[in-house]
Amino acid sequence: MDNTPSGLKRPADSDTMGSTAATLRQHANSLQAGVVTVATMGASTVTGTVSYPVPYPSGVVPRVLPSPITGSPNTVEASVANITNTGFSYYVYRPSGYSGNLDLQWFALGRGSEVGG
C-alpha cells in the first residue's frame, strides 16, 4: 500500500540527484510564523505591519492566518490585508471596556509552487 500524498514521489522513485528531498524541504520551509505584541485600547482598532523573517519568492503570495491570544476570554477581532511576498498589515479591534497588550500570533503558508498550490 502506498501512503504517499498525491503528487509526491517516493524517494526511491525519484531521480538520483535527490531533487525530491530538496522539493520537500522547500515545501516545509514555506510555513512561517511569528508573534507581535499589540497595545490595544477599548473600542478602537490598532494597525501595524509584519515582515516575514524570510521573504517568499517573487510572485508567491502566502495565505496568512492571524490568531489573537488574550489573558481572559473577551471579544477580539483580528484581520490581515495588503498581503505580499514580504509581509502584511494587521488590524486588531477590542470592544469598549477592554484594553491592554495582547499577542497576535500569525501563520503564513506560501502558495504557488507548493504541492496543492
Foldseek 3Di string as FASTA:
>chain_A
DDPDPPPADDQVPDDPVCVSVVLVVVQVVQKFKDKDKDWWAAADKDKDKDFTPDFDPAPWFWDKDKDKDDPDDADKDKDWDPTGSTITMMMIHHHPPDTGMIMIMMMTGTDDPHVVD
